[in-house]
């Protein structure tokens, strides 16, 4: 009991921590991935993990961009094909196809992308606001900014808009209900 009190005191001792310990290690970090010819990025704070392509069980009556669901360590997770979400040409999955598991508002969803590139630091001052072309183009609605990276431009996506709350709740609830019936 006395040993536990000493350990508790050690962890609560403010002299053991630097002022920098409050620094957000995920700030300005983006997971970059490729869809078609373009490289997109999402804020790393939403990313739970990156997995290789797994068996996706098709669920009837889902939006076309929802491939179905996958069983990730006993948890049923909807899988969204980002190409189809952006109304791009469908392509066959290959060994480079990955699923990025993201968590938005405590709901997990898998984003199927062509390939994952890297995690990159992109300071806020290098990100410009998304252009406003007053169009109904889906990709434009999902863009939160354009990041300068050397001579390249990275398209930063807003995961919360891609997985709008009503879509996420509906897809998650429907996929859970459908898998219970199977």
Protein backbone atom coordinates (compact mmCIF):
# COMPACT_ATOMS: atom_id res chain seq x y z
CA UNK A 1 0.00 0.00 0.00
CA UNK A 2 2.83 2.37 0.90
CA UNK A 3 4.62 1.50 -2.36
CA UNK A 4 1.49 2.35 -4.34
CA UNK A 5 1.27 5.75 -2.60
CA UNK A 6 4.90 6.50 -3.58
CA UNK A 7 4.23 5.57 -7.21
CA UNK A 8 1.03 7.65 -7.21
CA UNK A 9 2.97 10.63 -5.82
CA UNK A 10 5.66 10.22 -8.47
CA UNK A 11 3.14 10.38 -11.32
CA UNK A 12 1.40 13.36 -9.77
CA UNK A 13 4.64 15.24 -9.10
CA UNK A 14 4.56 18.36 -11.33
CA UNK A 15 8.36 18.64 -11.26
CA UNK A 16 8.58 15.46 -13.36
CA UNK A 17 6.98 17.08 -16.39
CA UNK A 18 8.31 19.71 -18.73
CA UNK A 19 6.17 22.57 -19.90
CA UNK A 20 6.44 21.02 -23.37
CA UNK A 21 4.56 17.89 -22.22
CA UNK A 22 1.29 19.64 -23.08
CA UNK A 23 2.47 20.01 -26.68
CA UNK A 24 0.09 18.34 -29.12
CA UNK A 25 2.21 15.80 -30.99
CA UNK A 26 -0.50 15.39 -33.65
CA UNK A 27 -0.73 19.09 -34.49
CA UNK A 28 0.04 19.93 -38.12
CA UNK A 29 0.33 16.23 -39.08
CA UNK A 30 -1.58 14.85 -42.03
CA UNK A 31 -1.87 11.35 -43.44
CA UNK A 32 -1.28 11.60 -47.18
CA UNK A 33 -2.80 9.08 -49.58
CA UNK A 34 -3.38 8.74 -53.28
CA UNK A 35 -6.67 8.48 -55.12
CA UNK A 36 -6.05 8.39 -58.85
CA UNK A 37 -3.37 10.90 -59.81
CA UNK A 38 -3.87 13.22 -56.83
CA UNK A 39 -2.50 13.13 -53.31
CA UNK A 40 -4.97 13.96 -50.56
CA UNK A 41 -4.45 14.47 -46.86
CA UNK A 42 -6.52 14.11 -43.72
CA UNK A 43 -5.78 15.35 -40.23
CA UNK A 44 -3.99 12.55 -38.38
CA UNK A 45 -6.14 13.11 -35.28
CA UNK A 46 -8.99 11.22 -37.00
CA UNK A 47 -6.86 8.23 -38.02
CA UNK A 48 -7.06 5.17 -35.80
CA UNK A 49 -5.07 2.78 -37.97
CA UNK A 50 -4.18 1.78 -41.51
CA UNK A 51 -4.86 -1.79 -42.58
CA UNK A 52 -4.34 -3.79 -45.74
CA UNK A 53 -7.38 -4.61 -47.81
CA UNK A 54 -9.60 -7.16 -46.12
CA UNK A 55 -12.71 -9.07 -47.04
CA UNK A 56 -15.60 -6.62 -47.31
CA UNK A 57 -19.07 -8.05 -46.87
CA UNK A 58 -21.57 -6.39 -49.18
CA UNK A 59 -24.70 -5.02 -47.58
CA UNK A 60 -27.77 -4.40 -49.76
CA UNK A 61 -29.42 -0.99 -50.10
CA UNK A 62 -26.36 1.09 -49.17
CA UNK A 63 -25.12 4.20 -50.96
CA UNK A 64 -22.95 3.19 -53.95
CA UNK A 65 -19.79 4.47 -52.26
CA UNK A 66 -20.29 2.16 -49.25
CA UNK A 67 -18.74 -1.15 -50.31
CA UNK A 68 -20.11 -2.97 -47.29
CA UNK A 69 -18.65 -3.76 -43.90
CA UNK A 70 -15.55 -5.38 -42.53
CA UNK A 71 -14.97 -7.24 -39.33
CA UNK A 72 -12.02 -5.64 -37.58
CA UNK A 73 -11.18 -7.62 -34.47
CA UNK A 74 -14.87 -8.24 -33.78
CA UNK A 75 -16.03 -4.71 -34.54
CA UNK A 76 -18.24 -4.16 -37.61
CA UNK A 77 -17.00 -1.14 -39.57
CA UNK A 78 -18.53 0.31 -42.76
CA UNK A 79 -16.10 0.59 -45.69
CA UNK A 80 -16.31 3.69 -47.92
CA UNK A 81 -14.61 3.66 -51.32
CA UNK A 82 -13.15 7.16 -51.68
CA UNK A 83 -13.05 6.89 -55.49
CA UNK A 84 -16.78 6.27 -55.58
CA UNK A 85 -17.43 8.92 -52.93
CA UNK A 86 -15.81 11.43 -55.28
CA UNK A 87 -17.61 10.00 -58.34
CA UNK A 88 -14.32 8.90 -59.86
CA UNK A 89 -13.80 5.91 -62.11
CA UNK A 90 -13.87 2.64 -60.21
CA UNK A 91 -10.71 0.54 -60.34
CA UNK A 92 -9.76 -2.93 -59.29
CA UNK A 93 -8.20 -3.22 -55.87
CA UNK A 94 -4.60 -4.37 -55.77
CA UNK A 95 -1.87 -5.09 -53.23
CA UNK A 96 -1.34 -1.34 -52.64
CA UNK A 97 -5.01 -0.64 -51.81
CA UNK A 98 -5.39 0.26 -48.14
CA UNK A 99 -8.15 0.96 -45.69
CA UNK A 100 -7.69 3.96 -43.40
CA UNK A 101 -9.76 3.50 -40.26
CA UNK A 102 -10.96 6.87 -39.04
CA UNK A 103 -12.99 7.85 -36.02
CA UNK A 104 -15.44 10.72 -36.36
CA UNK A 105 -17.76 11.54 -33.47
CA UNK A 106 -17.03 8.15 -31.89
CA UNK A 107 -18.02 6.26 -35.03
CA UNK A 108 -15.42 4.23 -36.91
CA UNK A 109 -15.42 3.95 -40.69
CA UNK A 110 -12.90 2.57 -43.16
CA UNK A 111 -11.82 4.74 -46.10
CA UNK A 112 -10.63 2.63 -49.03
CA UNK A 113 -7.85 4.46 -50.91
CA UNK A 114 -5.50 3.55 -53.76
CA UNK A 115 -2.35 3.81 -51.63
CA UNK A 116 -1.11 5.46 -48.46
CA UNK A 117 1.90 7.74 -48.96
CA UNK A 118 3.16 9.12 -45.64
CA UNK A 119 2.48 11.23 -42.58
CA UNK A 120 3.67 14.75 -43.26
CA UNK A 121 4.04 17.85 -41.11
CA UNK A 122 2.18 20.70 -42.78
CA UNK A 123 2.22 23.91 -40.74
CA UNK A 124 -1.04 25.86 -40.70
CA UNK A 125 0.62 28.79 -42.47
CA UNK A 126 1.23 26.50 -45.48
CA UNK A 127 -2.47 25.70 -45.86
CA UNK A 128 -4.67 28.06 -47.84
CA UNK A 129 -8.47 28.05 -47.68
CA UNK A 130 -10.34 25.86 -50.12
CA UNK A 131 -11.34 27.63 -53.31
CA UNK A 132 -14.99 28.50 -53.68
CA UNK A 133 -16.09 27.82 -57.24
CA UNK A 134 -19.80 27.89 -56.32
CA UNK A 135 -20.27 24.46 -57.77
CA UNK A 136 -21.94 21.36 -56.49
CA UNK A 137 -18.83 19.27 -57.13
CA UNK A 138 -18.55 16.82 -54.24
CA UNK A 139 -14.76 16.96 -54.08
CA UNK A 140 -14.84 20.73 -53.64
CA UNK A 141 -17.33 20.51 -50.77
CA UNK A 142 -15.01 18.11 -48.94
CA UNK A 143 -11.84 20.19 -49.34
CA UNK A 144 -10.81 22.05 -46.20
CA UNK A 145 -7.66 23.56 -47.70
CA UNK A 146 -4.79 23.37 -50.14
CA UNK A 147 -1.38 22.72 -48.63
CA UNK A 148 1.89 23.87 -50.14
CA UNK A 149 4.52 21.16 -49.90
CA UNK A 150 7.67 22.15 -51.78
CA UNK A 151 6.57 22.63 -55.39
CA UNK A 152 3.53 20.41 -54.90
CA UNK A 153 0.01 21.05 -53.68
CA UNK A 154 -1.73 18.61 -51.34
CA UNK A 155 -5.52 18.56 -51.15
CA UNK A 156 -6.53 18.56 -47.49
CA UNK A 157 -9.91 16.92 -46.93
CA UNK A 158 -12.40 17.52 -44.16
CA UNK A 159 -13.15 14.01 -42.87
CA UNK A 160 -16.19 15.22 -40.97
CA UNK A 161 -17.76 16.53 -44.19
CA UNK A 162 -16.88 13.38 -46.15
CA UNK A 163 -18.57 11.38 -43.46
CA UNK A 164 -21.39 13.76 -42.72
CA UNK A 165 -23.12 13.01 -39.46
CA UNK A 166 -26.39 11.90 -41.06
CA UNK A 167 -24.60 9.66 -43.58
CA UNK A 168 -22.33 8.16 -40.95
CA UNK A 169 -25.14 7.44 -38.51
CA UNK A 170 -27.38 5.98 -41.22
CA UNK A 171 -24.65 3.81 -42.74
CA UNK A 172 -23.37 2.66 -39.36
CA UNK A 173 -26.86 1.82 -38.07
CA UNK A 174 -27.95 0.13 -41.31
CA UNK A 175 -24.77 -1.92 -41.60
CA UNK A 176 -25.10 -3.04 -37.97
CA UNK A 177 -28.75 -4.01 -38.50
CA UNK A 178 -27.96 -5.81 -41.76
CA UNK A 179 -25.11 -7.82 -40.24
CA UNK A 180 -27.33 -8.85 -37.33
CA UNK A 181 -29.77 -10.34 -39.84
CA UNK A 182 -27.06 -12.33 -41.64
